[in-house]
Amino acid sequence: MNYHHTWRYRTCSFRNICYDKSKKLFHFYQHPNSSRKPILFEPKEGHLYDFHFKNHGFVNLVARPSRHESWGPTIVDDLIPTVDVTKLIQPHVLFLHWHVNRFNPGHVIWEDIFAPFLTMVRLGEYKHKQAVLIEYKNFPPPDSKFHKLYNELVPAYADKVVSLDEYMNSFSTQFVCFKNVMAGGATPMFS
């Protein structure tokens, strides 16, 4: 992690995290009475106290990221919600479909579908066919070849793959809280 663009290669597991459907944001909760602690130390940047810095997020969600494909939760100095909340215990992985105009099964398999699996394995969080893969904002339409490939291959290692909006809208509560959300680690396999 001695190089400037470490967010491009970082893989993280987040706890104390909920999605606020009214704000359409992931919130990372810190106890309101605790002093702010660093979330990470980077040799080049020093202590990091936020998941957003230098115009990008904390991790990348796609194999060939720009700052627009980076992501990080918003830190909230409050307790995790206890009212109007759904609590999910199975592992969840955030990723971003790499939108290309032409269908290329190699890129889709290795850089989109296989990346969430590698994220779970790297973090020691893989649980056979239990994870829910959440595509953050570019989920392909149901009639596309991309979507068909997701539906055929993801069941080999995960429970399901869904778009963030579709998944969050399936819950009637304002907050959806996760035991574990993993993100990052997507790596380009083909150049």
N, C-alpha and C. Protein backbone atom coordinates (compact mmCIF):
# COMPACT_ATOMS: atom_id res chain seq x y z
N MET A 1 0.81 -1.19 0.00
CA MET A 1 0.00 0.00 0.00
C MET A 1 0.86 1.26 0.00
N ASN A 2 2.06 1.20 -0.55
CA ASN A 2 2.93 2.36 -0.58
C ASN A 2 2.78 3.19 -1.85
N TYR A 3 1.73 3.02 -2.58
CA TYR A 3 1.53 3.77 -3.80
C TYR A 3 0.27 4.62 -3.68
N HIS A 4 0.17 5.61 -4.53
CA HIS A 4 -0.87 6.63 -4.38
C HIS A 4 -2.29 6.10 -4.57
N HIS A 5 -2.51 5.20 -5.49
CA HIS A 5 -3.87 4.78 -5.82
C HIS A 5 -4.28 3.49 -5.12
N THR A 6 -4.04 3.39 -3.84
CA THR A 6 -4.34 2.16 -3.12
C THR A 6 -5.82 1.81 -3.13
N TRP A 7 -6.70 2.78 -3.22
CA TRP A 7 -8.14 2.50 -3.23
C TRP A 7 -8.51 1.60 -4.40
N ARG A 8 -7.73 1.63 -5.45
CA ARG A 8 -8.01 0.81 -6.63
C ARG A 8 -7.85 -0.68 -6.35
N TYR A 9 -7.04 -1.02 -5.36
CA TYR A 9 -6.71 -2.43 -5.10
C TYR A 9 -7.20 -2.92 -3.74
N ARG A 10 -7.81 -2.05 -2.98
CA ARG A 10 -8.23 -2.38 -1.61
C ARG A 10 -9.48 -3.27 -1.62
N THR A 11 -9.52 -4.23 -0.70
CA THR A 11 -10.67 -5.09 -0.48
C THR A 11 -11.06 -4.95 0.99
N CYS A 12 -12.32 -4.68 1.27
CA CYS A 12 -12.73 -4.42 2.65
C CYS A 12 -14.02 -5.14 3.02
N SER A 13 -14.12 -5.42 4.31
CA SER A 13 -15.33 -5.97 4.89
C SER A 13 -15.85 -4.95 5.89
N PHE A 14 -17.08 -4.50 5.71
CA PHE A 14 -17.66 -3.47 6.56
C PHE A 14 -18.70 -4.07 7.50
N ARG A 15 -18.63 -3.66 8.75
CA ARG A 15 -19.63 -4.00 9.75
C ARG A 15 -20.21 -2.67 10.27
N ASN A 16 -21.24 -2.71 11.08
CA ASN A 16 -21.89 -1.48 11.56
C ASN A 16 -22.35 -0.62 10.39
N ILE A 17 -22.93 -1.26 9.39
CA ILE A 17 -23.30 -0.54 8.18
C ILE A 17 -24.77 -0.83 7.82
N CYS A 18 -25.46 0.24 7.43
CA CYS A 18 -26.86 0.13 7.03
C CYS A 18 -27.08 0.97 5.78
N TYR A 19 -28.09 0.59 5.03
CA TYR A 19 -28.51 1.39 3.88
C TYR A 19 -29.75 2.16 4.29
N ASP A 20 -29.70 3.48 4.11
CA ASP A 20 -30.84 4.35 4.40
C ASP A 20 -31.58 4.57 3.08
N LYS A 21 -32.75 3.96 2.95
CA LYS A 21 -33.50 4.02 1.70
C LYS A 21 -33.99 5.43 1.37
N SER A 22 -34.27 6.24 2.38
CA SER A 22 -34.76 7.59 2.10
C SER A 22 -33.65 8.48 1.54
N LYS A 23 -32.41 8.24 1.96
CA LYS A 23 -31.27 9.04 1.48
C LYS A 23 -30.49 8.34 0.36
N LYS A 24 -30.80 7.05 0.17
CA LYS A 24 -30.10 6.23 -0.83
C LYS A 24 -28.59 6.24 -0.60
N LEU A 25 -28.22 6.01 0.68
CA LEU A 25 -26.81 6.01 1.07
C LEU A 25 -26.54 4.86 2.03
N PHE A 26 -25.32 4.33 1.95
CA PHE A 26 -24.83 3.41 2.96
C PHE A 26 -24.22 4.24 4.07
N HIS A 27 -24.60 3.94 5.31
CA HIS A 27 -24.07 4.65 6.48
C HIS A 27 -23.25 3.69 7.33
N PHE A 28 -22.09 4.16 7.73
CA PHE A 28 -21.22 3.44 8.66
C PHE A 28 -21.38 4.13 10.01
N TYR A 29 -21.83 3.38 11.02
CA TYR A 29 -22.17 3.98 12.31
C TYR A 29 -21.02 3.89 13.30
N GLN A 30 -20.71 5.05 13.91
CA GLN A 30 -19.75 5.16 15.00
C GLN A 30 -20.50 5.64 16.23
N HIS A 31 -20.13 5.13 17.38
CA HIS A 31 -20.78 5.57 18.61
C HIS A 31 -20.61 7.08 18.76
N PRO A 32 -21.69 7.80 19.07
CA PRO A 32 -21.62 9.27 19.11
C PRO A 32 -20.70 9.82 20.19
N ASN A 33 -20.44 9.05 21.24
CA ASN A 33 -19.59 9.53 22.33
C ASN A 33 -18.13 9.12 22.18
N SER A 34 -17.81 8.40 21.13
CA SER A 34 -16.41 7.98 20.96
C SER A 34 -15.67 9.01 20.11
N SER A 35 -14.37 9.12 20.39
CA SER A 35 -13.57 10.03 19.57
C SER A 35 -13.33 9.37 18.22
N ARG A 36 -13.23 10.18 17.21
CA ARG A 36 -13.03 9.65 15.86
C ARG A 36 -11.67 8.96 15.78
N LYS A 37 -11.72 7.71 15.34
CA LYS A 37 -10.50 6.91 15.23
C LYS A 37 -10.17 6.75 13.76
N PRO A 38 -8.88 6.58 13.44
CA PRO A 38 -8.53 6.35 12.04
C PRO A 38 -9.15 5.04 11.55
N ILE A 39 -9.58 5.03 10.30
CA ILE A 39 -10.12 3.80 9.73
C ILE A 39 -9.03 2.99 9.05
N LEU A 40 -7.91 3.66 8.73
CA LEU A 40 -6.81 2.98 8.05
C LEU A 40 -5.58 3.86 8.10
N PHE A 41 -4.41 3.23 8.09
CA PHE A 41 -3.16 3.97 7.94
C PHE A 41 -2.55 3.61 6.59
N GLU A 42 -2.26 4.61 5.79
CA GLU A 42 -1.55 4.43 4.53
C GLU A 42 -0.21 5.13 4.66
N PRO A 43 0.88 4.48 4.29
CA PRO A 43 2.19 5.12 4.42
C PRO A 43 2.28 6.48 3.72
N LYS A 44 1.69 6.60 2.55
CA LYS A 44 1.79 7.86 1.80
C LYS A 44 0.85 8.94 2.34
N GLU A 45 -0.33 8.56 2.76
CA GLU A 45 -1.36 9.52 3.19
C GLU A 45 -1.45 9.68 4.70
N GLY A 46 -0.88 8.75 5.45
CA GLY A 46 -1.00 8.80 6.90
C GLY A 46 -2.31 8.18 7.36
N HIS A 47 -2.81 8.65 8.50
CA HIS A 47 -4.08 8.14 9.02
C HIS A 47 -5.24 8.67 8.18
N LEU A 48 -6.15 7.78 7.83
CA LEU A 48 -7.36 8.16 7.11
C LEU A 48 -8.53 8.09 8.09
N TYR A 49 -9.33 9.14 8.10
CA TYR A 49 -10.45 9.23 9.03
C TYR A 49 -11.80 9.19 8.34
N ASP A 50 -11.81 9.07 7.04
CA ASP A 50 -13.07 9.08 6.29
C ASP A 50 -12.97 8.09 5.14
N PHE A 51 -14.13 7.67 4.63
CA PHE A 51 -14.17 6.74 3.51
C PHE A 51 -14.18 7.46 2.16
N HIS A 52 -14.15 8.79 2.18
CA HIS A 52 -14.10 9.59 0.95
C HIS A 52 -12.99 10.61 1.11
N PHE A 53 -12.03 10.62 0.19
CA PHE A 53 -10.94 11.57 0.25
C PHE A 53 -10.33 11.72 -1.14
N LYS A 54 -9.74 12.86 -1.38
CA LYS A 54 -9.09 13.15 -2.67
C LYS A 54 -10.00 12.84 -3.85
N ASN A 55 -11.27 13.17 -3.72
CA ASN A 55 -12.23 13.07 -4.81
C ASN A 55 -12.53 11.64 -5.27
N HIS A 56 -12.38 10.68 -4.37
CA HIS A 56 -12.77 9.30 -4.70
C HIS A 56 -13.17 8.58 -3.42
N GLY A 57 -13.76 7.39 -3.58
CA GLY A 57 -14.19 6.59 -2.45
C GLY A 57 -13.07 5.73 -1.90
N PHE A 58 -13.42 4.83 -1.02
CA PHE A 58 -12.46 4.02 -0.28
C PHE A 58 -12.01 2.78 -1.05
N VAL A 59 -12.90 2.21 -1.84
CA VAL A 59 -12.58 1.01 -2.63
C VAL A 59 -13.13 1.19 -4.04
N ASN A 60 -12.63 0.37 -4.97
CA ASN A 60 -13.21 0.38 -6.31
C ASN A 60 -14.25 -0.72 -6.38
N LEU A 61 -15.20 -0.56 -7.26
CA LEU A 61 -16.25 -1.57 -7.43
C LEU A 61 -16.21 -2.24 -8.79
N VAL A 62 -15.22 -1.90 -9.61
CA VAL A 62 -15.13 -2.43 -10.97
C VAL A 62 -13.66 -2.66 -11.31
N ALA A 63 -13.38 -3.54 -12.24
CA ALA A 63 -12.01 -3.93 -12.56
C ALA A 63 -11.16 -2.79 -13.12
N ARG A 64 -11.73 -1.89 -13.86
CA ARG A 64 -10.97 -0.77 -14.44
C ARG A 64 -11.56 0.54 -13.90
N PRO A 65 -11.25 0.88 -12.66
CA PRO A 65 -11.96 1.98 -12.02
C PRO A 65 -11.41 3.37 -12.35
N SER A 66 -12.31 4.30 -12.35
CA SER A 66 -11.96 5.71 -12.24
C SER A 66 -12.57 6.14 -10.91
N ARG A 67 -12.40 7.38 -10.55
CA ARG A 67 -12.97 7.82 -9.27
C ARG A 67 -14.49 7.69 -9.26
N HIS A 68 -15.11 7.65 -10.45
CA HIS A 68 -16.57 7.53 -10.53
C HIS A 68 -17.07 6.14 -10.16
N GLU A 69 -16.20 5.14 -10.23
CA GLU A 69 -16.58 3.77 -9.85
C GLU A 69 -16.07 3.41 -8.46
N SER A 70 -15.58 4.40 -7.73
CA SER A 70 -15.14 4.14 -6.36
C SER A 70 -16.34 4.29 -5.43
N TRP A 71 -16.21 3.73 -4.24
CA TRP A 71 -17.33 3.73 -3.31
C TRP A 71 -16.80 3.75 -1.87
N GLY A 72 -17.58 4.31 -1.01
CA GLY A 72 -17.33 4.26 0.43
C GLY A 72 -18.58 4.70 1.16
N PRO A 73 -18.85 4.13 2.32
CA PRO A 73 -20.02 4.55 3.09
C PRO A 73 -19.79 5.93 3.72
N THR A 74 -20.87 6.56 4.12
CA THR A 74 -20.81 7.83 4.83
C THR A 74 -20.78 7.53 6.33
N ILE A 75 -19.83 8.13 7.05
CA ILE A 75 -19.73 7.92 8.49
C ILE A 75 -20.80 8.74 9.20
N VAL A 76 -21.52 8.08 10.11
CA VAL A 76 -22.57 8.73 10.89
C VAL A 76 -22.22 8.53 12.36
N ASP A 77 -22.16 9.63 13.10
CA ASP A 77 -21.90 9.56 14.54
C ASP A 77 -23.21 9.33 15.27
N ASP A 78 -23.61 8.08 15.31
CA ASP A 78 -24.88 7.70 15.93
C ASP A 78 -24.87 6.20 16.16
N LEU A 79 -25.84 5.73 16.91
CA LEU A 79 -26.00 4.29 17.10
C LEU A 79 -26.71 3.70 15.89
N ILE A 80 -26.49 2.42 15.65
CA ILE A 80 -27.18 1.74 14.55
C ILE A 80 -28.68 1.81 14.81
N PRO A 81 -29.48 2.09 13.79
CA PRO A 81 -30.93 2.20 13.98
C PRO A 81 -31.53 0.93 14.58
N THR A 82 -32.54 1.13 15.42
CA THR A 82 -33.25 0.00 16.03
C THR A 82 -34.73 0.00 15.69
N VAL A 83 -35.19 1.05 15.03
CA VAL A 83 -36.59 1.18 14.64
C VAL A 83 -36.68 1.27 13.12
N ASP A 84 -37.70 0.62 12.57
CA ASP A 84 -37.92 0.64 11.12
C ASP A 84 -36.69 0.09 10.38
N VAL A 85 -36.22 -1.07 10.85
CA VAL A 85 -34.99 -1.64 10.32
C VAL A 85 -35.16 -3.13 10.00
N THR A 86 -34.54 -3.56 8.91
CA THR A 86 -34.41 -4.97 8.57
C THR A 86 -32.95 -5.33 8.79
N LYS A 87 -32.69 -6.43 9.50
CA LYS A 87 -31.31 -6.87 9.76
C LYS A 87 -31.02 -8.12 8.94
N LEU A 88 -29.96 -8.06 8.15
CA LEU A 88 -29.57 -9.17 7.29
C LEU A 88 -28.28 -9.80 7.80
N ILE A 89 -28.27 -11.12 7.94
CA ILE A 89 -27.09 -11.78 8.50
C ILE A 89 -26.22 -12.47 7.45
N GLN A 90 -26.78 -12.76 6.28
CA GLN A 90 -25.96 -13.44 5.28
C GLN A 90 -24.97 -12.45 4.67
N PRO A 91 -23.83 -12.95 4.16
CA PRO A 91 -22.83 -12.05 3.57
C PRO A 91 -23.37 -11.37 2.31
N HIS A 92 -22.94 -10.13 2.10
CA HIS A 92 -23.32 -9.35 0.93
C HIS A 92 -22.06 -8.77 0.29
N VAL A 93 -22.05 -8.72 -1.03
CA VAL A 93 -20.91 -8.18 -1.76
C VAL A 93 -21.41 -7.12 -2.74
N LEU A 94 -20.86 -5.91 -2.62
CA LEU A 94 -21.16 -4.84 -3.57
C LEU A 94 -20.20 -4.94 -4.74
N PHE A 95 -20.71 -4.77 -5.94
CA PHE A 95 -19.85 -4.72 -7.12
C PHE A 95 -20.53 -3.86 -8.16
N LEU A 96 -19.81 -3.56 -9.21
CA LEU A 96 -20.33 -2.73 -10.28
C LEU A 96 -20.10 -3.44 -11.60
N HIS A 97 -21.16 -3.62 -12.36
CA HIS A 97 -21.04 -4.22 -13.69
C HIS A 97 -20.26 -3.26 -14.58
N TRP A 98 -19.22 -3.79 -15.23
CA TRP A 98 -18.42 -2.97 -16.13
C TRP A 98 -19.17 -2.86 -17.44
N HIS A 99 -19.79 -1.73 -17.66
CA HIS A 99 -20.65 -1.55 -18.83
C HIS A 99 -19.80 -1.36 -20.09
N VAL A 100 -19.92 -2.29 -21.01
CA VAL A 100 -19.27 -2.18 -22.32
C VAL A 100 -20.36 -2.35 -23.37
N ASN A 101 -20.14 -1.75 -24.52
CA ASN A 101 -21.16 -1.80 -25.57
C ASN A 101 -21.28 -3.18 -26.20
N ARG A 102 -20.16 -3.85 -26.39
CA ARG A 102 -20.19 -5.17 -27.02
C ARG A 102 -20.07 -6.25 -25.95
N PHE A 103 -20.81 -7.31 -26.12
CA PHE A 103 -20.79 -8.43 -25.19
C PHE A 103 -19.48 -9.19 -25.34
N ASN A 104 -18.76 -9.34 -24.24
CA ASN A 104 -17.51 -10.10 -24.23
C ASN A 104 -17.58 -11.03 -23.02
N PRO A 105 -17.88 -12.32 -23.23
CA PRO A 105 -18.06 -13.22 -22.09
C PRO A 105 -16.83 -13.33 -21.20
N GLY A 106 -15.63 -13.21 -21.76
CA GLY A 106 -14.42 -13.28 -20.94
C GLY A 106 -14.37 -12.20 -19.89
N HIS A 107 -14.62 -10.97 -20.30
CA HIS A 107 -14.63 -9.86 -19.35
C HIS A 107 -15.75 -10.02 -18.33
N VAL A 108 -16.93 -10.41 -18.78
CA VAL A 108 -18.07 -10.55 -17.88
C VAL A 108 -17.78 -11.63 -16.83
N ILE A 109 -17.27 -12.77 -17.27
CA ILE A 109 -17.01 -13.87 -16.34
C ILE A 109 -15.89 -13.52 -15.37
N TRP A 110 -14.74 -13.12 -15.87
CA TRP A 110 -13.57 -12.92 -15.01
C TRP A 110 -13.60 -11.62 -14.23
N GLU A 111 -14.10 -10.54 -14.83
CA GLU A 111 -13.99 -9.25 -14.17
C GLU A 111 -15.27 -8.80 -13.47
N ASP A 112 -16.40 -9.36 -13.84
CA ASP A 112 -17.66 -9.01 -13.16
C ASP A 112 -18.12 -10.12 -12.22
N ILE A 113 -18.28 -11.31 -12.76
CA ILE A 113 -18.87 -12.41 -12.00
C ILE A 113 -17.87 -13.03 -11.02
N PHE A 114 -16.63 -13.19 -11.45
CA PHE A 114 -15.64 -13.84 -10.60
C PHE A 114 -15.09 -12.90 -9.52
N ALA A 115 -15.10 -11.57 -9.77
CA ALA A 115 -14.55 -10.61 -8.82
C ALA A 115 -15.20 -10.67 -7.44
N PRO A 116 -16.54 -10.71 -7.31
CA PRO A 116 -17.13 -10.82 -5.97
C PRO A 116 -16.73 -12.11 -5.24
N PHE A 117 -16.58 -13.20 -5.99
CA PHE A 117 -16.13 -14.45 -5.38
C PHE A 117 -14.72 -14.27 -4.81
N LEU A 118 -13.82 -13.68 -5.58
CA LEU A 118 -12.45 -13.44 -5.10
C LEU A 118 -12.44 -12.51 -3.89
N THR A 119 -13.31 -11.52 -3.88
CA THR A 119 -13.41 -10.63 -2.73
C THR A 119 -13.73 -11.41 -1.46
N MET A 120 -14.71 -12.30 -1.53
CA MET A 120 -15.08 -13.11 -0.36
C MET A 120 -13.93 -14.02 0.06
N VAL A 121 -13.27 -14.65 -0.89
CA VAL A 121 -12.17 -15.56 -0.58
C VAL A 121 -11.02 -14.80 0.06
N ARG A 122 -10.64 -13.66 -0.50
CA ARG A 122 -9.53 -12.86 0.06
C ARG A 122 -9.80 -12.45 1.50
N LEU A 123 -11.05 -12.18 1.82
CA LEU A 123 -11.39 -11.73 3.17
C LEU A 123 -11.73 -12.88 4.11
N GLY A 124 -11.66 -14.11 3.60
CA GLY A 124 -11.99 -15.26 4.44
C GLY A 124 -13.45 -15.32 4.82
N GLU A 125 -14.31 -14.76 3.98
CA GLU A 125 -15.74 -14.66 4.28
C GLU A 125 -16.61 -15.51 3.37
N TYR A 126 -16.00 -16.36 2.54
CA TYR A 126 -16.81 -17.14 1.61
C TYR A 126 -17.59 -18.21 2.36
N LYS A 127 -18.88 -18.22 2.15
CA LYS A 127 -19.77 -19.23 2.71
C LYS A 127 -20.56 -19.78 1.53
N HIS A 128 -20.41 -21.04 1.25
CA HIS A 128 -20.92 -21.67 0.04
C HIS A 128 -22.38 -21.30 -0.25
N LYS A 129 -22.58 -20.63 -1.35
CA LYS A 129 -23.89 -20.28 -1.90
C LYS A 129 -24.79 -19.51 -0.93
N GLN A 130 -24.20 -18.71 -0.04
CA GLN A 130 -25.01 -17.92 0.89
C GLN A 130 -25.02 -16.44 0.55
N ALA A 131 -24.02 -15.95 -0.14
CA ALA A 131 -23.87 -14.51 -0.36
C ALA A 131 -24.90 -13.97 -1.34
N VAL A 132 -25.25 -12.71 -1.11
CA VAL A 132 -26.07 -11.96 -2.05
C VAL A 132 -25.14 -10.95 -2.71
N LEU A 133 -25.07 -10.98 -4.03
CA LEU A 133 -24.26 -10.03 -4.78
C LEU A 133 -25.15 -8.86 -5.17
N ILE A 134 -24.73 -7.66 -4.79
CA ILE A 134 -25.53 -6.47 -5.06
C ILE A 134 -24.80 -5.60 -6.09
N GLU A 135 -25.40 -5.48 -7.26
CA GLU A 135 -24.83 -4.63 -8.30
C GLU A 135 -25.23 -3.20 -7.98
N TYR A 136 -24.24 -2.31 -7.90
CA TYR A 136 -24.45 -0.98 -7.34
C TYR A 136 -25.26 -0.02 -8.21
N LYS A 137 -25.00 0.06 -9.52
CA LYS A 137 -25.77 1.03 -10.30
C LYS A 137 -25.86 0.76 -11.80
N ASN A 138 -25.25 -0.27 -12.32
CA ASN A 138 -25.27 -0.52 -13.77
C ASN A 138 -25.80 -1.90 -14.12
N PHE A 139 -26.74 -2.43 -13.36
CA PHE A 139 -27.18 -3.80 -13.61
C PHE A 139 -27.77 -3.90 -15.01
N PRO A 140 -27.32 -4.88 -15.79
CA PRO A 140 -27.82 -5.00 -17.16
C PRO A 140 -29.30 -5.37 -17.20
N PRO A 141 -30.01 -4.96 -18.26
CA PRO A 141 -31.43 -5.28 -18.37
C PRO A 141 -31.67 -6.78 -18.45
N PRO A 142 -32.82 -7.25 -17.99
CA PRO A 142 -33.11 -8.69 -17.94
C PRO A 142 -33.00 -9.41 -19.28
N ASP A 143 -33.21 -8.72 -20.38
CA ASP A 143 -33.16 -9.38 -21.68
C ASP A 143 -31.77 -9.37 -22.32
N SER A 144 -30.76 -8.88 -21.61
CA SER A 144 -29.42 -8.79 -22.19
C SER A 144 -28.63 -10.09 -22.01
N LYS A 145 -27.61 -10.28 -22.84
CA LYS A 145 -26.72 -11.43 -22.72
C LYS A 145 -25.95 -11.37 -21.40
N PHE A 146 -25.63 -10.15 -20.96
CA PHE A 146 -24.92 -9.98 -19.69
C PHE A 146 -25.74 -10.57 -18.55
N HIS A 147 -27.00 -10.19 -18.49
CA HIS A 147 -27.89 -10.64 -17.41
C HIS A 147 -28.04 -12.16 -17.44
N LYS A 148 -28.17 -12.71 -18.63
CA LYS A 148 -28.30 -14.16 -18.77
C LYS A 148 -27.07 -14.87 -18.22
N LEU A 149 -25.88 -14.34 -18.51
CA LEU A 149 -24.65 -14.95 -18.01
C LEU A 149 -24.58 -14.87 -16.48
N TYR A 150 -24.98 -13.74 -15.91
CA TYR A 150 -25.05 -13.62 -14.45
C TYR A 150 -25.95 -14.71 -13.87
N ASN A 151 -27.14 -14.84 -14.43
CA ASN A 151 -28.10 -15.82 -13.91
C ASN A 151 -27.63 -17.26 -14.05
N GLU A 152 -26.81 -17.54 -15.04
CA GLU A 152 -26.32 -18.90 -15.24
C GLU A 152 -25.12 -19.23 -14.36
N LEU A 153 -24.24 -18.25 -14.09
CA LEU A 153 -22.98 -18.56 -13.40
C LEU A 153 -22.97 -18.23 -11.91
N VAL A 154 -23.62 -17.16 -11.50
CA VAL A 154 -23.58 -16.76 -10.09
C VAL A 154 -24.10 -17.85 -9.15
N PRO A 155 -25.15 -18.61 -9.49
CA PRO A 155 -25.62 -19.65 -8.57
C PRO A 155 -24.58 -20.72 -8.24
N ALA A 156 -23.49 -20.78 -8.97
CA ALA A 156 -22.43 -21.74 -8.65
C ALA A 156 -21.74 -21.40 -7.33
N TYR A 157 -21.80 -20.13 -6.90
CA TYR A 157 -21.11 -19.77 -5.66
C TYR A 157 -21.89 -18.81 -4.75
N ALA A 158 -23.01 -18.28 -5.21
CA ALA A 158 -23.75 -17.32 -4.38
C ALA A 158 -25.25 -17.60 -4.43
N ASP A 159 -25.96 -17.03 -3.48
CA ASP A 159 -27.41 -17.22 -3.42
C ASP A 159 -28.11 -16.53 -4.58
N LYS A 160 -27.74 -15.26 -4.84
CA LYS A 160 -28.37 -14.53 -5.93
C LYS A 160 -27.58 -13.28 -6.25
N VAL A 161 -27.92 -12.69 -7.40
CA VAL A 161 -27.36 -11.41 -7.81
C VAL A 161 -28.54 -10.50 -8.13
N VAL A 162 -28.52 -9.29 -7.56
CA VAL A 162 -29.63 -8.34 -7.72
C VAL A 162 -29.08 -6.93 -7.86
N SER A 163 -29.91 -6.05 -8.38
CA SER A 163 -29.53 -4.64 -8.40
C SER A 163 -29.79 -4.05 -7.02
N LEU A 164 -29.04 -3.03 -6.68
CA LEU A 164 -29.20 -2.37 -5.38
C LEU A 164 -30.63 -1.87 -5.19
N ASP A 165 -31.16 -1.16 -6.17
CA ASP A 165 -32.52 -0.62 -6.04
C ASP A 165 -33.57 -1.72 -5.87
N GLU A 166 -33.48 -2.74 -6.70
CA GLU A 166 -34.45 -3.85 -6.61
C GLU A 166 -34.38 -4.51 -5.24
N TYR A 167 -33.18 -4.75 -4.75
CA TYR A 167 -33.00 -5.44 -3.47
C TYR A 167 -33.52 -4.58 -2.31
N MET A 168 -33.13 -3.32 -2.28
CA MET A 168 -33.56 -2.44 -1.19
C MET A 168 -35.08 -2.24 -1.21
N ASN A 169 -35.66 -2.16 -2.39
CA ASN A 169 -37.11 -1.98 -2.48
C ASN A 169 -37.90 -3.23 -2.08
N SER A 170 -37.22 -4.35 -1.95
CA SER A 170 -37.91 -5.57 -1.52
C SER A 170 -38.15 -5.59 0.00
N PHE A 171 -37.58 -4.61 0.71
CA PHE A 171 -37.77 -4.51 2.16
C PHE A 171 -38.68 -3.33 2.46
N SER A 172 -39.57 -3.50 3.42
CA SER A 172 -40.54 -2.44 3.73
C SER A 172 -40.02 -1.40 4.72
N THR A 173 -38.86 -1.63 5.30
CA THR A 173 -38.32 -0.71 6.30
C THR A 173 -37.47 0.38 5.65
N GLN A 174 -37.25 1.47 6.40
CA GLN A 174 -36.40 2.56 5.90
C GLN A 174 -34.93 2.16 5.90
N PHE A 175 -34.52 1.39 6.92
CA PHE A 175 -33.11 1.00 7.04
C PHE A 175 -32.95 -0.49 6.79
N VAL A 176 -31.91 -0.83 6.06
CA VAL A 176 -31.53 -2.22 5.86
C VAL A 176 -30.11 -2.33 6.38
N CYS A 177 -29.93 -3.08 7.48
CA CYS A 177 -28.63 -3.19 8.13
C CYS A 177 -28.03 -4.57 7.86
N PHE A 178 -26.73 -4.58 7.71
CA PHE A 178 -26.01 -5.78 7.30
C PHE A 178 -25.03 -6.22 8.37
N LYS A 179 -24.94 -7.52 8.56
CA LYS A 179 -23.90 -8.05 9.42
C LYS A 179 -22.54 -7.83 8.76
N ASN A 180 -22.52 -7.95 7.43
CA ASN A 180 -21.26 -7.85 6.71
C ASN A 180 -21.52 -7.43 5.26
N VAL A 181 -20.87 -6.35 4.83
CA VAL A 181 -20.87 -5.94 3.42
C VAL A 181 -19.43 -5.90 2.97
N MET A 182 -19.13 -6.63 1.92
CA MET A 182 -17.78 -6.64 1.36
C MET A 182 -17.78 -5.83 0.07
N ALA A 183 -16.65 -5.20 -0.21
CA ALA A 183 -16.53 -4.40 -1.43
C ALA A 183 -15.06 -4.28 -1.81
N GLY A 184 -14.84 -4.04 -3.09
CA GLY A 184 -13.49 -3.81 -3.58
C GLY A 184 -12.82 -5.07 -4.09
N GLY A 185 -11.61 -4.88 -4.57
CA GLY A 185 -10.81 -6.02 -5.00
C GLY A 185 -10.97 -6.44 -6.43
N ALA A 186 -11.84 -5.77 -7.20
CA ALA A 186 -11.99 -6.14 -8.61
C ALA A 186 -10.67 -5.86 -9.34
N THR A 187 -10.22 -6.82 -10.10
CA THR A 187 -8.92 -6.72 -10.77
C THR A 187 -9.08 -7.01 -12.26
N PRO A 188 -8.48 -6.18 -13.12
CA PRO A 188 -8.55 -6.48 -14.55
C PRO A 188 -7.77 -7.75 -14.87
N MET A 189 -8.39 -8.66 -15.60
CA MET A 189 -7.73 -9.90 -15.99
C MET A 189 -7.18 -9.83 -17.40
N PHE A 190 -7.79 -9.00 -18.22
CA PHE A 190 -7.37 -8.89 -19.62
C PHE A 190 -7.07 -7.43 -19.91
N SER A 191 -5.97 -7.16 -20.55
CA SER A 191 -5.62 -5.78 -20.89
C SER A 191 -5.68 -5.59 -22.38
